[in-house]
């Protein structure tokens, strides 16, 4: 066997082994995130997906429907397998839990999000964060083809988070 072929073969083998190890590590972290979400709110996981965040990190976003019908969204750190954010999703801005906290209406929240990320709004969701803050979660299709998930505080009007959404 000539040395160049051997080096090429070994390099390819190492790449395959490395990819397999990464896939196993990702599966283990996804399982850890599933378990952490289910410990926080018992129910059925209806969606889990890997996402990149603006600061360059990666998370799993997990949607869960609890036994009582509540909808939850968890953000789990892809490196540690720990829940870093938990949100309860509400059906409308008129839901009593949301309405009691909001000081700006949806139209104003939309304007605020669009000043930061120009594009077309595809969806608006109404959430209560784990710290009790009410937020408008606004999905914007930008002109460059990205889908941005922008969270606007319903009391202050400040953008509190913005991530690239891969949906």
N, C-alpha and C. Protein backbone atom coordinates (compact mmCIF):
# COMPACT_ATOMS: atom_id res chain seq x y z
N UNK A 1 0.86 -1.17 0.00
CA UNK A 1 0.00 0.00 0.00
C UNK A 1 0.91 1.23 0.00
N UNK A 2 0.64 2.15 -0.90
CA UNK A 2 1.50 3.32 -0.94
C UNK A 2 1.13 4.29 0.18
N UNK A 3 2.06 5.07 0.61
CA UNK A 3 1.93 5.92 1.81
C UNK A 3 0.86 6.99 1.63
N UNK A 4 0.73 7.58 0.45
CA UNK A 4 -0.28 8.61 0.22
C UNK A 4 -1.68 8.02 0.34
N UNK A 5 -1.87 6.83 -0.23
CA UNK A 5 -3.17 6.17 -0.13
C UNK A 5 -3.48 5.85 1.33
N UNK A 6 -2.50 5.37 2.04
CA UNK A 6 -2.66 5.02 3.45
C UNK A 6 -3.04 6.27 4.27
N UNK A 7 -2.38 7.39 4.03
CA UNK A 7 -2.70 8.63 4.74
C UNK A 7 -4.11 9.10 4.41
N UNK A 8 -4.49 8.99 3.14
CA UNK A 8 -5.83 9.38 2.71
C UNK A 8 -6.87 8.49 3.38
N UNK A 9 -6.60 7.18 3.38
CA UNK A 9 -7.51 6.20 3.99
C UNK A 9 -7.67 6.47 5.48
N UNK A 10 -6.55 6.71 6.15
CA UNK A 10 -6.58 6.97 7.60
C UNK A 10 -7.33 8.27 7.90
N UNK A 11 -7.10 9.31 7.09
CA UNK A 11 -7.80 10.58 7.28
C UNK A 11 -9.30 10.41 7.13
N UNK A 12 -9.72 9.67 6.12
CA UNK A 12 -11.15 9.41 5.92
C UNK A 12 -11.75 8.62 7.06
N UNK A 13 -11.03 7.60 7.52
CA UNK A 13 -11.49 6.78 8.64
C UNK A 13 -11.64 7.62 9.91
N UNK A 14 -10.68 8.49 10.16
CA UNK A 14 -10.73 9.36 11.34
C UNK A 14 -11.93 10.31 11.24
N UNK A 15 -12.21 10.85 10.05
CA UNK A 15 -13.34 11.75 9.86
C UNK A 15 -14.65 11.02 10.14
N UNK A 16 -14.77 9.79 9.65
CA UNK A 16 -15.99 9.01 9.88
C UNK A 16 -16.16 8.72 11.37
N UNK A 17 -15.09 8.34 12.04
CA UNK A 17 -15.17 8.04 13.48
C UNK A 17 -15.53 9.29 14.26
N UNK A 18 -14.96 10.43 13.88
CA UNK A 18 -15.25 11.69 14.55
C UNK A 18 -16.71 12.08 14.36
N UNK A 19 -17.24 11.92 13.15
CA UNK A 19 -18.64 12.25 12.88
C UNK A 19 -19.56 11.35 13.70
N UNK A 20 -19.23 10.09 13.82
CA UNK A 20 -20.02 9.16 14.63
C UNK A 20 -20.02 9.56 16.09
N UNK A 21 -18.87 9.97 16.60
CA UNK A 21 -18.78 10.40 18.00
C UNK A 21 -19.60 11.66 18.24
N UNK A 22 -19.57 12.58 17.29
CA UNK A 22 -20.36 13.81 17.41
C UNK A 22 -21.85 13.49 17.39
N UNK A 23 -22.27 12.60 16.51
CA UNK A 23 -23.68 12.21 16.44
C UNK A 23 -24.13 11.57 17.74
N UNK A 24 -23.29 10.71 18.33
CA UNK A 24 -23.62 10.08 19.62
C UNK A 24 -23.74 11.14 20.72
N UNK A 25 -22.81 12.10 20.73
CA UNK A 25 -22.83 13.16 21.74
C UNK A 25 -24.09 14.01 21.58
N UNK A 26 -24.46 14.35 20.33
CA UNK A 26 -25.68 15.13 20.08
C UNK A 26 -26.91 14.38 20.55
N UNK A 27 -26.98 13.09 20.28
CA UNK A 27 -28.13 12.28 20.70
C UNK A 27 -28.22 12.24 22.22
N UNK A 28 -27.08 12.12 22.89
CA UNK A 28 -27.07 12.10 24.36
C UNK A 28 -27.56 13.44 24.92
N UNK A 29 -27.14 14.54 24.31
CA UNK A 29 -27.57 15.86 24.80
C UNK A 29 -29.05 16.08 24.51
N UNK A 30 -29.52 15.61 23.35
CA UNK A 30 -30.94 15.73 23.04
C UNK A 30 -31.76 14.94 24.05
N UNK A 31 -31.31 13.74 24.40
CA UNK A 31 -32.00 12.94 25.41
C UNK A 31 -32.00 13.64 26.77
N UNK A 32 -30.87 14.25 27.14
CA UNK A 32 -30.78 14.97 28.41
C UNK A 32 -31.76 16.14 28.42
N UNK A 33 -31.88 16.83 27.29
CA UNK A 33 -32.81 17.95 27.19
C UNK A 33 -34.26 17.49 27.26
N UNK A 34 -34.57 16.37 26.61
CA UNK A 34 -35.93 15.81 26.68
C UNK A 34 -36.29 15.49 28.13
N UNK A 35 -35.37 14.85 28.82
CA UNK A 35 -35.60 14.45 30.21
C UNK A 35 -35.80 15.69 31.09
N UNK A 36 -34.97 16.71 30.90
CA UNK A 36 -35.07 17.93 31.70
C UNK A 36 -36.41 18.64 31.47
N UNK A 37 -36.87 18.68 30.21
CA UNK A 37 -38.15 19.32 29.91
C UNK A 37 -39.29 18.55 30.56
N UNK A 38 -39.26 17.23 30.48
CA UNK A 38 -40.31 16.41 31.07
C UNK A 38 -40.33 16.47 32.59
N UNK A 39 -39.17 16.70 33.20
CA UNK A 39 -39.14 16.87 34.66
C UNK A 39 -39.75 18.20 35.07
N UNK A 40 -39.64 19.19 34.19
CA UNK A 40 -40.16 20.52 34.49
C UNK A 40 -41.67 20.61 34.29
N UNK A 41 -42.18 19.95 33.27
CA UNK A 41 -43.62 19.95 32.98
C UNK A 41 -43.96 18.59 32.37
N UNK A 42 -44.68 17.79 33.10
CA UNK A 42 -45.05 16.46 32.61
C UNK A 42 -45.98 16.60 31.41
N UNK A 43 -45.68 15.85 30.37
CA UNK A 43 -46.53 15.89 29.19
C UNK A 43 -45.87 15.24 28.01
N UNK A 44 -46.41 15.54 26.83
CA UNK A 44 -45.93 14.95 25.58
C UNK A 44 -45.10 15.98 24.82
N UNK A 45 -43.88 15.58 24.46
CA UNK A 45 -43.05 16.44 23.62
C UNK A 45 -43.57 16.34 22.19
N UNK A 46 -43.98 17.48 21.65
CA UNK A 46 -44.55 17.49 20.31
C UNK A 46 -43.55 17.94 19.24
N UNK A 47 -42.45 18.59 19.67
CA UNK A 47 -41.43 19.02 18.71
C UNK A 47 -40.12 19.27 19.45
N UNK A 48 -39.02 18.88 18.81
CA UNK A 48 -37.70 19.24 19.31
C UNK A 48 -36.82 19.53 18.10
N UNK A 49 -36.10 20.65 18.17
CA UNK A 49 -35.22 21.00 17.05
C UNK A 49 -34.01 21.77 17.55
N UNK A 50 -32.91 21.55 16.86
CA UNK A 50 -31.67 22.27 17.16
C UNK A 50 -31.73 23.64 16.50
N UNK A 51 -31.25 24.65 17.23
CA UNK A 51 -31.24 26.01 16.71
C UNK A 51 -29.94 26.70 17.08
N UNK A 52 -29.53 27.63 16.24
CA UNK A 52 -28.40 28.50 16.54
C UNK A 52 -28.94 29.79 17.11
N UNK A 53 -28.24 30.34 18.09
CA UNK A 53 -28.64 31.62 18.67
C UNK A 53 -27.68 32.71 18.21
N UNK A 54 -28.11 33.94 18.33
CA UNK A 54 -27.36 35.08 17.81
C UNK A 54 -25.91 35.11 18.30
N UNK A 55 -25.67 34.74 19.56
CA UNK A 55 -24.30 34.79 20.11
C UNK A 55 -23.41 33.64 19.61
N UNK A 56 -23.95 32.79 18.72
CA UNK A 56 -23.16 31.71 18.15
C UNK A 56 -23.36 30.36 18.82
N UNK A 57 -24.03 30.33 19.95
CA UNK A 57 -24.28 29.08 20.64
C UNK A 57 -25.36 28.26 19.97
N UNK A 58 -25.59 27.07 20.51
CA UNK A 58 -26.64 26.20 19.98
C UNK A 58 -27.52 25.70 21.11
N UNK A 59 -28.80 25.58 20.80
CA UNK A 59 -29.77 25.11 21.77
C UNK A 59 -30.69 24.08 21.12
N UNK A 60 -31.44 23.38 21.96
CA UNK A 60 -32.58 22.62 21.48
C UNK A 60 -33.81 23.39 21.94
N UNK A 61 -34.75 23.59 21.03
CA UNK A 61 -36.04 24.18 21.38
C UNK A 61 -37.03 23.03 21.43
N UNK A 62 -37.71 22.91 22.57
CA UNK A 62 -38.61 21.78 22.81
C UNK A 62 -40.00 22.31 23.08
N UNK A 63 -40.99 21.84 22.33
CA UNK A 63 -42.39 22.18 22.57
C UNK A 63 -43.04 20.99 23.25
N UNK A 64 -43.75 21.27 24.34
CA UNK A 64 -44.36 20.21 25.13
C UNK A 64 -45.80 20.58 25.43
N UNK A 65 -46.70 19.60 25.32
CA UNK A 65 -48.09 19.80 25.70
C UNK A 65 -48.30 19.04 27.01
N UNK A 66 -48.63 19.79 28.06
CA UNK A 66 -48.80 19.19 29.38
C UNK A 66 -50.14 18.47 29.48
N UNK A 67 -50.24 17.61 30.46
CA UNK A 67 -51.46 16.82 30.66
C UNK A 67 -52.69 17.72 30.86
N UNK A 68 -52.49 18.92 31.44
CA UNK A 68 -53.61 19.84 31.68
C UNK A 68 -53.93 20.70 30.46
N UNK A 69 -53.25 20.45 29.33
CA UNK A 69 -53.50 21.19 28.09
C UNK A 69 -52.61 22.39 27.89
N UNK A 70 -51.84 22.77 28.91
CA UNK A 70 -50.94 23.92 28.77
C UNK A 70 -49.86 23.62 27.73
N UNK A 71 -49.47 24.65 27.00
CA UNK A 71 -48.40 24.54 26.01
C UNK A 71 -47.14 25.17 26.60
N UNK A 72 -46.02 24.47 26.52
CA UNK A 72 -44.76 24.96 27.06
C UNK A 72 -43.69 24.92 25.98
N UNK A 73 -42.77 25.88 26.05
CA UNK A 73 -41.60 25.87 25.18
C UNK A 73 -40.38 25.96 26.07
N UNK A 74 -39.44 25.06 25.85
CA UNK A 74 -38.20 25.04 26.62
C UNK A 74 -37.04 25.30 25.68
N UNK A 75 -36.05 26.02 26.18
CA UNK A 75 -34.79 26.17 25.46
C UNK A 75 -33.74 25.51 26.34
N UNK A 76 -33.04 24.56 25.73
CA UNK A 76 -32.09 23.73 26.46
C UNK A 76 -30.70 23.91 25.83
N UNK A 77 -29.71 24.16 26.68
CA UNK A 77 -28.34 24.32 26.21
C UNK A 77 -27.85 23.01 25.60
N UNK A 78 -27.41 23.06 24.37
CA UNK A 78 -27.01 21.86 23.63
C UNK A 78 -25.71 21.27 24.19
N UNK A 79 -24.93 22.06 24.91
CA UNK A 79 -23.67 21.59 25.46
C UNK A 79 -23.85 20.91 26.81
N UNK A 80 -24.69 21.50 27.67
CA UNK A 80 -24.84 20.98 29.04
C UNK A 80 -26.06 20.09 29.24
N UNK A 81 -27.06 20.21 28.37
CA UNK A 81 -28.30 19.45 28.56
C UNK A 81 -29.21 20.05 29.63
N UNK A 82 -28.98 21.32 29.98
CA UNK A 82 -29.78 21.98 31.02
C UNK A 82 -30.76 22.97 30.40
N UNK A 83 -31.94 23.06 31.00
CA UNK A 83 -32.95 24.01 30.56
C UNK A 83 -32.47 25.42 30.93
N UNK A 84 -32.43 26.30 29.94
CA UNK A 84 -32.00 27.67 30.19
C UNK A 84 -33.16 28.66 30.12
N UNK A 85 -34.29 28.19 29.58
CA UNK A 85 -35.46 29.06 29.50
C UNK A 85 -36.71 28.21 29.39
N UNK A 86 -37.77 28.66 30.06
CA UNK A 86 -39.05 27.95 30.04
C UNK A 86 -40.14 29.00 29.85
N UNK A 87 -41.05 28.74 28.90
CA UNK A 87 -42.12 29.70 28.60
C UNK A 87 -43.45 28.97 28.49
N UNK A 88 -44.50 29.60 29.00
CA UNK A 88 -45.85 29.08 28.82
C UNK A 88 -46.49 29.85 27.67
N UNK A 89 -47.00 29.12 26.69
CA UNK A 89 -47.63 29.75 25.54
C UNK A 89 -49.12 29.87 25.77
N UNK A 90 -49.66 31.07 25.49
CA UNK A 90 -51.08 31.36 25.71
C UNK A 90 -51.79 31.54 24.37
N UNK A 91 -53.10 31.31 24.34
CA UNK A 91 -53.81 31.37 23.06
C UNK A 91 -53.98 32.77 22.48
N UNK A 92 -53.97 33.82 23.34
CA UNK A 92 -54.15 35.17 22.81
C UNK A 92 -53.63 36.20 23.81
N UNK A 93 -53.51 37.44 23.33
CA UNK A 93 -53.08 38.54 24.19
C UNK A 93 -54.17 38.91 25.19
N UNK A 94 -55.39 38.42 24.95
CA UNK A 94 -56.51 38.69 25.86
C UNK A 94 -56.61 37.68 27.00
N UNK A 95 -55.76 36.65 26.98
CA UNK A 95 -55.76 35.68 28.07
C UNK A 95 -55.49 36.45 29.37
N UNK A 96 -56.24 36.17 30.44
CA UNK A 96 -56.10 36.95 31.68
C UNK A 96 -54.67 37.04 32.21
N UNK A 97 -53.89 35.97 32.11
CA UNK A 97 -52.51 36.00 32.63
C UNK A 97 -51.65 36.97 31.83
N UNK A 98 -51.89 37.07 30.52
CA UNK A 98 -51.12 37.96 29.66
C UNK A 98 -51.64 39.40 29.78
N UNK A 99 -52.96 39.55 29.72
CA UNK A 99 -53.59 40.88 29.74
C UNK A 99 -53.25 41.64 31.02
N UNK A 100 -53.10 40.93 32.13
CA UNK A 100 -52.79 41.58 33.40
C UNK A 100 -51.39 42.20 33.41
N UNK A 101 -50.50 41.73 32.54
CA UNK A 101 -49.11 42.18 32.55
C UNK A 101 -48.76 43.13 31.41
N UNK A 102 -49.53 43.12 30.32
CA UNK A 102 -49.15 43.91 29.15
C UNK A 102 -49.48 45.39 29.34
N UNK A 103 -48.57 46.21 28.83
CA UNK A 103 -48.77 47.66 28.82
C UNK A 103 -48.74 48.21 27.39
N UNK A 104 -48.22 47.41 26.47
CA UNK A 104 -48.25 47.79 25.06
C UNK A 104 -49.08 46.76 24.31
N UNK A 105 -49.74 47.20 23.25
CA UNK A 105 -50.58 46.26 22.50
C UNK A 105 -49.75 45.57 21.41
N UNK A 106 -50.38 44.63 20.76
CA UNK A 106 -49.68 43.82 19.75
C UNK A 106 -49.17 44.69 18.59
N UNK A 107 -49.96 45.67 18.17
CA UNK A 107 -49.55 46.53 17.05
C UNK A 107 -48.24 47.25 17.38
N UNK A 108 -48.11 47.74 18.60
CA UNK A 108 -46.89 48.42 19.02
C UNK A 108 -45.72 47.45 19.07
N UNK A 109 -45.96 46.25 19.58
CA UNK A 109 -44.90 45.23 19.64
C UNK A 109 -44.41 44.88 18.24
N UNK A 110 -45.33 44.78 17.30
CA UNK A 110 -44.96 44.50 15.91
C UNK A 110 -44.05 45.60 15.36
N UNK A 111 -44.42 46.85 15.60
CA UNK A 111 -43.62 47.98 15.11
C UNK A 111 -42.21 47.93 15.70
N UNK A 112 -42.12 47.65 17.00
CA UNK A 112 -40.81 47.58 17.67
C UNK A 112 -39.94 46.50 17.04
N UNK A 113 -40.52 45.31 16.84
CA UNK A 113 -39.74 44.20 16.25
C UNK A 113 -39.28 44.54 14.84
N UNK A 114 -40.16 45.18 14.06
CA UNK A 114 -39.82 45.51 12.67
C UNK A 114 -38.80 46.63 12.56
N UNK A 115 -38.62 47.44 13.60
CA UNK A 115 -37.57 48.47 13.55
C UNK A 115 -36.20 47.82 13.64
N UNK A 116 -36.12 46.67 14.28
CA UNK A 116 -34.85 45.96 14.43
C UNK A 116 -34.59 44.97 13.29
N UNK A 117 -35.65 44.30 12.84
CA UNK A 117 -35.54 43.28 11.80
C UNK A 117 -36.60 43.54 10.74
N UNK A 118 -36.19 44.09 9.61
CA UNK A 118 -37.11 44.41 8.54
C UNK A 118 -37.56 43.14 7.83
N UNK A 119 -38.85 43.06 7.56
CA UNK A 119 -39.37 41.90 6.86
C UNK A 119 -40.87 41.79 7.02
N UNK A 120 -41.36 40.56 6.87
CA UNK A 120 -42.80 40.28 6.96
C UNK A 120 -43.04 39.42 8.20
N UNK A 121 -44.00 39.82 9.01
CA UNK A 121 -44.35 39.05 10.21
C UNK A 121 -45.20 37.85 9.80
N UNK A 122 -44.71 36.66 10.16
CA UNK A 122 -45.42 35.42 9.85
C UNK A 122 -46.32 34.96 10.99
N UNK A 123 -45.94 35.29 12.22
CA UNK A 123 -46.67 34.75 13.37
C UNK A 123 -46.36 35.59 14.61
N UNK A 124 -47.36 35.70 15.49
CA UNK A 124 -47.16 36.31 16.80
C UNK A 124 -47.71 35.34 17.84
N UNK A 125 -46.91 35.07 18.86
CA UNK A 125 -47.34 34.21 19.96
C UNK A 125 -47.28 35.02 21.25
N UNK A 126 -48.00 34.55 22.26
CA UNK A 126 -48.13 35.27 23.53
C UNK A 126 -47.63 34.33 24.61
N UNK A 127 -46.61 34.76 25.35
CA UNK A 127 -45.96 33.86 26.30
C UNK A 127 -45.74 34.52 27.66
N UNK A 128 -45.71 33.66 28.66
CA UNK A 128 -45.29 34.07 29.99
C UNK A 128 -43.96 33.36 30.24
N UNK A 129 -42.91 34.14 30.48
CA UNK A 129 -41.58 33.59 30.73
C UNK A 129 -41.51 32.98 32.13
N UNK A 130 -40.46 32.23 32.39
CA UNK A 130 -40.30 31.60 33.70
C UNK A 130 -40.16 32.62 34.82
N UNK A 131 -39.72 33.85 34.50
CA UNK A 131 -39.62 34.90 35.53
C UNK A 131 -40.91 35.70 35.67
N UNK A 132 -41.98 35.31 34.95
CA UNK A 132 -43.27 35.98 35.05
C UNK A 132 -43.49 37.10 34.05
N UNK A 133 -42.52 37.37 33.19
CA UNK A 133 -42.63 38.43 32.18
C UNK A 133 -43.53 37.98 31.03
N UNK A 134 -44.41 38.87 30.60
CA UNK A 134 -45.24 38.60 29.42
C UNK A 134 -44.49 39.11 28.19
N UNK A 135 -44.42 38.28 27.14
CA UNK A 135 -43.72 38.69 25.91
C UNK A 135 -44.54 38.34 24.68
N UNK A 136 -44.37 39.19 23.67
CA UNK A 136 -44.86 38.89 22.34
C UNK A 136 -43.70 38.20 21.63
N UNK A 137 -43.91 36.99 21.13
CA UNK A 137 -42.89 36.32 20.34
C UNK A 137 -43.29 36.51 18.88
N UNK A 138 -42.47 37.24 18.15
CA UNK A 138 -42.81 37.64 16.78
C UNK A 138 -41.84 36.98 15.81
N UNK A 139 -42.39 36.23 14.85
CA UNK A 139 -41.58 35.57 13.83
C UNK A 139 -41.61 36.43 12.57
N UNK A 140 -40.41 36.86 12.15
CA UNK A 140 -40.26 37.76 11.00
C UNK A 140 -39.46 37.07 9.90
N UNK A 141 -40.01 37.06 8.69
CA UNK A 141 -39.29 36.59 7.51
C UNK A 141 -38.54 37.80 6.96
N UNK A 142 -37.20 37.76 7.05
CA UNK A 142 -36.41 38.91 6.60
C UNK A 142 -36.18 38.86 5.10
N UNK A 143 -35.74 39.97 4.55
CA UNK A 143 -35.50 40.07 3.13
C UNK A 143 -34.38 39.17 2.64
N UNK A 144 -33.44 38.82 3.53
CA UNK A 144 -32.33 37.96 3.13
C UNK A 144 -32.62 36.48 3.35
N UNK A 145 -33.90 36.16 3.59
CA UNK A 145 -34.30 34.75 3.69
C UNK A 145 -34.25 34.15 5.07
N UNK A 146 -33.82 34.90 6.06
CA UNK A 146 -33.79 34.38 7.43
C UNK A 146 -35.16 34.50 8.07
N UNK A 147 -35.41 33.66 9.04
CA UNK A 147 -36.60 33.79 9.86
C UNK A 147 -36.11 34.13 11.27
N UNK A 148 -36.48 35.30 11.76
CA UNK A 148 -36.04 35.75 13.08
C UNK A 148 -37.18 35.60 14.08
N UNK A 149 -36.84 35.11 15.27
CA UNK A 149 -37.78 35.00 16.38
C UNK A 149 -37.40 36.13 17.35
N UNK A 150 -38.27 37.12 17.46
CA UNK A 150 -37.99 38.31 18.26
C UNK A 150 -38.97 38.36 19.43
N UNK A 151 -38.45 38.47 20.65
CA UNK A 151 -39.30 38.57 21.83
C UNK A 151 -39.32 40.01 22.32
N UNK A 152 -40.53 40.57 22.39
CA UNK A 152 -40.72 41.94 22.85
C UNK A 152 -41.45 41.90 24.18
N UNK A 153 -40.87 42.54 25.19
CA UNK A 153 -41.48 42.60 26.52
C UNK A 153 -42.81 43.36 26.42
N UNK A 154 -43.90 42.74 26.85
CA UNK A 154 -45.24 43.34 26.72
C UNK A 154 -45.47 44.48 27.69
N UNK A 155 -44.62 44.62 28.70
CA UNK A 155 -44.76 45.73 29.65
C UNK A 155 -43.89 46.92 29.27
N UNK A 156 -42.66 46.65 28.79
CA UNK A 156 -41.72 47.75 28.53
C UNK A 156 -41.53 48.07 27.06
N UNK A 157 -41.84 47.11 26.18
CA UNK A 157 -41.61 47.31 24.75
C UNK A 157 -40.18 47.05 24.32
N UNK A 158 -39.34 46.59 25.22
CA UNK A 158 -37.94 46.31 24.87
C UNK A 158 -37.82 44.93 24.22
N UNK A 159 -36.91 44.83 23.25
CA UNK A 159 -36.58 43.53 22.68
C UNK A 159 -35.69 42.83 23.69
N UNK A 160 -36.15 41.67 24.17
CA UNK A 160 -35.38 40.97 25.19
C UNK A 160 -34.61 39.77 24.64
N UNK A 161 -34.95 39.36 23.43
CA UNK A 161 -34.23 38.24 22.82
C UNK A 161 -34.54 38.22 21.33
N UNK A 162 -33.54 37.81 20.55
CA UNK A 162 -33.73 37.62 19.11
C UNK A 162 -32.84 36.47 18.66
N UNK A 163 -33.45 35.48 18.03
CA UNK A 163 -32.72 34.31 17.55
C UNK A 163 -33.16 34.02 16.13
N UNK A 164 -32.23 33.40 15.39
CA UNK A 164 -32.58 32.92 14.06
C UNK A 164 -33.45 31.68 14.24
N UNK A 165 -34.61 31.68 13.61
CA UNK A 165 -35.55 30.55 13.72
C UNK A 165 -35.40 29.71 12.48
N UNK A 166 -35.25 28.39 12.66
CA UNK A 166 -35.03 27.53 11.50
C UNK A 166 -36.29 26.85 11.01
N UNK A 167 -37.47 27.22 11.51
CA UNK A 167 -38.73 26.60 11.05
C UNK A 167 -39.01 26.94 9.62
